[in-house]
PDB file of N, CA and C in Angstrom:
ATOM      1  N   UNK A   1     131.242  90.039  90.560  1.00  0.00           N
ATOM      2  CA  UNK A   1     130.449  90.874  91.307  1.00  0.00           C
ATOM      3  C   UNK A   1     131.258  91.871  92.077  1.00  0.00           C
ATOM      4  N   UNK A   2     131.086  93.179  92.031  1.00  0.00           N
ATOM      5  CA  UNK A   2     131.954  94.107  92.643  1.00  0.00           C
ATOM      6  C   UNK A   2     131.548  94.187  94.152  1.00  0.00           C
ATOM      7  N   UNK A   3     132.467  94.816  94.934  1.00  0.00           N
ATOM      8  CA  UNK A   3     132.295  94.838  96.330  1.00  0.00           C
ATOM      9  C   UNK A   3     131.005  95.527  96.797  1.00  0.00           C
ATOM     10  N   UNK A   4     130.615  96.584  95.994  1.00  0.00           N
ATOM     11  CA  UNK A   4     129.288  97.285  96.271  1.00  0.00           C
ATOM     12  C   UNK A   4     128.104  96.346  96.186  1.00  0.00           C
ATOM     13  N   UNK A   5     128.257  95.209  95.537  1.00  0.00           N
ATOM     14  CA  UNK A   5     127.141  94.391  95.324  1.00  0.00           C
ATOM     15  C   UNK A   5     127.199  93.155  96.258  1.00  0.00           C
ATOM     16  N   UNK A   6     128.163  93.128  97.155  1.00  0.00           N
ATOM     17  CA  UNK A   6     128.306  91.950  97.977  1.00  0.00           C
ATOM     18  C   UNK A   6     127.116  91.877  98.857  1.00  0.00           C
ATOM     19  N   UNK A   7     126.781  90.753  99.314  1.00  0.00           N
ATOM     20  CA  UNK A   7     125.600  90.478 100.146  1.00  0.00           C
ATOM     21  C   UNK A   7     126.050  90.523 101.610  1.00  0.00           C
ATOM     22  N   UNK A   8     125.372  91.190 102.433  1.00  0.00           N
ATOM     23  CA  UNK A   8     125.662  91.236 103.863  1.00  0.00           C
ATOM     24  C   UNK A   8     125.051  90.086 104.679  1.00  0.00           C
ATOM     25  N   UNK A   9     124.018  89.318 104.027  1.00  0.00           N
ATOM     26  CA  UNK A   9     123.268  88.355 104.744  1.00  0.00           C
ATOM     27  C   UNK A   9     124.164  87.246 105.312  1.00  0.00           C
ATOM     28  N   UNK A  10     125.150  86.742 104.494  1.00  0.00           N
ATOM     29  CA  UNK A  10     125.959  85.641 105.241  1.00  0.00           C
ATOM     30  C   UNK A  10     126.629  86.178 106.474  1.00  0.00           C
ATOM     31  N   UNK A  11     127.177  87.368 106.442  1.00  0.00           N
ATOM     32  CA  UNK A  11     127.862  87.929 107.630  1.00  0.00           C
ATOM     33  C   UNK A  11     126.865  88.094 108.802  1.00  0.00           C
ATOM     34  N   UNK A  12     125.699  88.643 108.518  1.00  0.00           N
ATOM     35  CA  UNK A  12     124.624  88.826 109.508  1.00  0.00           C
ATOM     36  C   UNK A  12     124.256  87.485 110.160  1.00  0.00           C
ATOM     37  N   UNK A  13     124.030  86.465 109.225  1.00  0.00           N
ATOM     38  CA  UNK A  13     123.660  85.052 109.735  1.00  0.00           C
ATOM     39  C   UNK A  13     124.823  84.549 110.616  1.00  0.00           C
ATOM     40  N   UNK A  14     125.977  84.788 110.238  1.00  0.00           N
ATOM     41  CA  UNK A  14     127.125  84.238 111.083  1.00  0.00           C
ATOM     42  C   UNK A  14     127.021  84.942 112.429  1.00  0.00           C
ATOM     43  N   UNK A  15     126.843  86.282 112.490  1.00  0.00           N
ATOM     44  CA  UNK A  15     126.835  86.971 113.762  1.00  0.00           C
ATOM     45  C   UNK A  15     125.631  86.369 114.612  1.00  0.00           C
ATOM     46  N   UNK A  16     124.484  86.270 113.998  1.00  0.00           N
ATOM     47  CA  UNK A  16     123.397  85.603 114.679  1.00  0.00           C
ATOM     48  C   UNK A  16     123.638  84.260 115.310  1.00  0.00           C
ATOM     49  N   UNK A  17     124.325  83.388 114.496  1.00  0.00           N
ATOM     50  CA  UNK A  17     124.602  82.036 114.945  1.00  0.00           C
ATOM     51  C   UNK A  17     125.667  82.004 116.029  1.00  0.00           C
ATOM     52  N   UNK A  18     126.661  82.845 115.920  1.00  0.00           N
ATOM     53  CA  UNK A  18     127.652  82.936 116.981  1.00  0.00           C
ATOM     54  C   UNK A  18     127.051  83.452 118.253  1.00  0.00           C
ATOM     55  N   UNK A  19     126.248  84.498 118.196  1.00  0.00           N
ATOM     56  CA  UNK A  19     125.634  85.051 119.414  1.00  0.00           C
ATOM     57  C   UNK A  19     124.678  83.932 120.038  1.00  0.00           C
ATOM     58  N   UNK A  20     123.989  83.237 119.201  1.00  0.00           N
ATOM     59  CA  UNK A  20     123.023  82.269 119.754  1.00  0.00           C
ATOM     60  C   UNK A  20     123.731  81.050 120.564  1.00  0.00           C
ATOM     61  N   UNK A  21     125.042  80.923 120.274  1.00  0.00           N
ATOM     62  CA  UNK A  21     125.738  79.868 120.934  1.00  0.00           C
ATOM     63  C   UNK A  21     126.380  80.195 122.261  1.00  0.00           C
ATOM     64  N   UNK A  22     126.313  81.536 122.597  1.00  0.00           N
ATOM     65  CA  UNK A  22     127.051  82.012 123.805  1.00  0.00           C
ATOM     66  C   UNK A  22     126.109  82.007 124.909  1.00  0.00           C
ATOM     67  N   UNK A  23     126.755  81.424 126.078  1.00  0.00           N
ATOM     68  CA  UNK A  23     125.987  81.313 127.363  1.00  0.00           C
ATOM     69  C   UNK A  23     126.898  81.720 128.565  1.00  0.00           C
ATOM     70  N   UNK A  24     126.220  82.078 129.525  1.00  0.00           N
ATOM     71  CA  UNK A  24     126.977  82.617 130.708  1.00  0.00           C
ATOM     72  C   UNK A  24     128.002  81.626 131.172  1.00  0.00           C
ATOM     73  N   UNK A  25     127.760  80.345 131.026  1.00  0.00           N
ATOM     74  CA  UNK A  25     128.566  79.251 131.595  1.00  0.00           C
ATOM     75  C   UNK A  25     129.814  78.978 130.731  1.00  0.00           C
ATOM     76  N   UNK A  26     129.811  79.571 129.522  1.00  0.00           N
ATOM     77  CA  UNK A  26     131.013  79.307 128.548  1.00  0.00           C
ATOM     78  C   UNK A  26     132.268  79.788 129.114  1.00  0.00           C
ATOM     79  N   UNK A  27     133.382  79.162 128.746  1.00  0.00           N
ATOM     80  CA  UNK A  27     134.706  79.596 129.059  1.00  0.00           C
ATOM     81  C   UNK A  27     134.939  80.999 128.471  1.00  0.00           C
ATOM     82  N   UNK A  28     135.593  81.831 129.272  1.00  0.00           N
ATOM     83  CA  UNK A  28     135.867  83.177 128.896  1.00  0.00           C
ATOM     84  C   UNK A  28     136.643  83.213 127.471  1.00  0.00           C
ATOM     85  N   UNK A  29     137.591  82.293 127.348  1.00  0.00           N
ATOM     86  CA  UNK A  29     138.264  82.226 126.101  1.00  0.00           C
ATOM     87  C   UNK A  29     137.430  81.862 124.817  1.00  0.00           C
ATOM     88  N   UNK A  30     136.321  81.109 125.039  1.00  0.00           N
ATOM     89  CA  UNK A  30     135.465  80.761 124.011  1.00  0.00           C
ATOM     90  C   UNK A  30     134.593  81.963 123.602  1.00  0.00           C
ATOM     91  N   UNK A  31     134.175  82.683 124.694  1.00  0.00           N
ATOM     92  CA  UNK A  31     133.385  83.842 124.380  1.00  0.00           C
ATOM     93  C   UNK A  31     134.172  85.002 123.701  1.00  0.00           C
ATOM     94  N   UNK A  32     135.446  85.140 124.104  1.00  0.00           N
ATOM     95  CA  UNK A  32     136.329  86.073 123.403  1.00  0.00           C
ATOM     96  C   UNK A  32     136.491  85.683 121.922  1.00  0.00           C
ATOM     97  N   UNK A  33     136.701  84.340 121.662  1.00  0.00           N
ATOM     98  CA  UNK A  33     136.867  83.928 120.331  1.00  0.00           C
ATOM     99  C   UNK A  33     135.664  84.157 119.477  1.00  0.00           C
ATOM    100  N   UNK A  34     134.421  83.940 120.013  1.00  0.00           N
ATOM    101  CA  UNK A  34     133.261  84.160 119.279  1.00  0.00           C
ATOM    102  C   UNK A  34     133.052  85.684 119.043  1.00  0.00           C
ATOM    103  N   UNK A  35     133.365  86.364 120.120  1.00  0.00           N
ATOM    104  CA  UNK A  35     133.219  87.921 119.989  1.00  0.00           C
ATOM    105  C   UNK A  35     134.121  88.482 118.818  1.00  0.00           C
ATOM    106  N   UNK A  36     135.288  87.863 118.780  1.00  0.00           N
ATOM    107  CA  UNK A  36     136.328  88.291 117.780  1.00  0.00           C
ATOM    108  C   UNK A  36     135.730  87.998 116.419  1.00  0.00           C
ATOM    109  N   UNK A  37     135.068  86.903 116.242  1.00  0.00           N
ATOM    110  CA  UNK A  37     134.449  86.481 114.989  1.00  0.00           C
ATOM    111  C   UNK A  37     133.383  87.485 114.554  1.00  0.00           C
ATOM    112  N   UNK A  38     132.550  87.785 115.699  1.00  0.00           N
ATOM    113  CA  UNK A  38     131.405  88.663 115.414  1.00  0.00           C
ATOM    114  C   UNK A  38     131.894  90.081 115.016  1.00  0.00           C
ATOM    115  N   UNK A  39     132.992  90.551 115.669  1.00  0.00           N
ATOM    116  CA  UNK A  39     133.550  91.814 115.291  1.00  0.00           C
ATOM    117  C   UNK A  39     134.084  91.804 113.909  1.00  0.00           C
ATOM    118  N   UNK A  40     134.674  90.808 113.457  1.00  0.00           N
ATOM    119  CA  UNK A  40     135.130  90.711 112.091  1.00  0.00           C
ATOM    120  C   UNK A  40     134.087  90.709 111.084  1.00  0.00           C
ATOM    121  N   UNK A  41     133.083  89.946 111.386  1.00  0.00           N
ATOM    122  CA  UNK A  41     131.889  89.913 110.480  1.00  0.00           C
ATOM    123  C   UNK A  41     131.172  91.412 110.539  1.00  0.00           C
ATOM    124  N   UNK A  42     131.099  91.993 111.522  1.00  0.00           N
ATOM    125  CA  UNK A  42     130.489  93.400 111.550  1.00  0.00           C
ATOM    126  C   UNK A  42     131.431  94.267 110.813  1.00  0.00           C
ATOM    127  N   UNK A  43     132.663  94.118 110.864  1.00  0.00           N
ATOM    128  CA  UNK A  43     133.577  95.040 110.092  1.00  0.00           C
ATOM    129  C   UNK A  43     133.427  94.843 108.571  1.00  0.00           C
ATOM    130  N   UNK A  44     133.125  93.566 108.131  1.00  0.00           N
ATOM    131  CA  UNK A  44     132.914  93.324 106.838  1.00  0.00           C
ATOM    132  C   UNK A  44     131.460  93.879 106.332  1.00  0.00           C
ATOM    133  N   UNK A  45     130.556  93.813 107.173  1.00  0.00           N
ATOM    134  CA  UNK A  45     129.336  94.420 106.919  1.00  0.00           C
ATOM    135  C   UNK A  45     129.424  95.956 106.771  1.00  0.00           C
ATOM    136  N   UNK A  46     130.154  96.643 107.699  1.00  0.00           N
ATOM    137  CA  UNK A  46     130.335  98.013 107.639  1.00  0.00           C
ATOM    138  C   UNK A  46     131.137  98.353 106.282  1.00  0.00           C
ATOM    139  N   UNK A  47     132.146  97.616 105.957  1.00  0.00           N
ATOM    140  CA  UNK A  47     132.830  97.957 104.676  1.00  0.00           C
ATOM    141  C   UNK A  47     131.972  97.824 103.425  1.00  0.00           C
ATOM    142  N   UNK A  48     131.095  96.870 103.512  1.00  0.00           N
ATOM    143  CA  UNK A  48     130.117  96.739 102.293  1.00  0.00           C
ATOM    144  C   UNK A  48     129.209  97.933 102.331  1.00  0.00           C
ATOM    145  N   UNK A  49     128.656  98.247 103.477  1.00  0.00           N
ATOM    146  CA  UNK A  49     127.784  99.442 103.510  1.00  0.00           C
ATOM    147  C   UNK A  49     128.413 100.784 103.149  1.00  0.00           C
ATOM    148  N   UNK A  50     129.652 100.895 103.659  1.00  0.00           N
ATOM    149  CA  UNK A  50     130.327 102.104 103.254  1.00  0.00           C
ATOM    150  C   UNK A  50     130.608 102.214 101.705  1.00  0.00           C
ATOM    151  N   UNK A  51     130.893 101.109 101.095  1.00  0.00           N
ATOM    152  CA  UNK A  51     131.137 101.073  99.704  1.00  0.00           C
ATOM    153  C   UNK A  51     129.786 101.381  98.958  1.00  0.00           C
ATOM    154  N   UNK A  52     128.686 100.899  99.498  1.00  0.00           N
ATOM    155  CA  UNK A  52     127.367 101.167  98.912  1.00  0.00           C
ATOM    156  C   UNK A  52     127.010 102.696  99.164  1.00  0.00           C
ATOM    157  N   UNK A  53     127.354 103.197 100.357  1.00  0.00           N
ATOM    158  CA  UNK A  53     126.989 104.547 100.636  1.00  0.00           C
ATOM    159  C   UNK A  53     127.718 105.500  99.689  1.00  0.00           C
ATOM    160  N   UNK A  54     129.005 105.211  99.435  1.00  0.00           N
ATOM    161  CA  UNK A  54     129.751 106.050  98.504  1.00  0.00           C
ATOM    162  C   UNK A  54     129.251 105.944  97.149  1.00  0.00           C
ATOM    163  N   UNK A  55     128.666 104.893  96.665  1.00  0.00           N
ATOM    164  CA  UNK A  55     128.016 104.718  95.411  1.00  0.00           C
ATOM    165  C   UNK A  55     126.708 105.493  95.263  1.00  0.00           C
ATOM    166  N   UNK A  56     126.028 105.717  96.438  1.00  0.00           N
ATOM    167  CA  UNK A  56     124.684 106.326  96.454  1.00  0.00           C
ATOM    168  C   UNK A  56     124.837 107.828  96.200  1.00  0.00           C
ATOM    169  N   UNK A  57     125.963 108.388  96.519  1.00  0.00           N
ATOM    170  CA  UNK A  57     126.138 109.918  96.491  1.00  0.00           C
ATOM    171  C   UNK A  57     126.194 110.418  95.119  1.00  0.00           C
TER     172      UNK A  57
END
């Protein structure tokens, strides 16, 4: 399966799950760690979307 057919849902679900576990009382280092994972997942989604976009032209 080529990159343009990769599914974004696993990354979107990861973002949702990580965001759902964050609370104001969490340690700052824990929040930063989760945010880093969210950012990486978002980058993967963007990369997949950009590949699809270039295929749509």
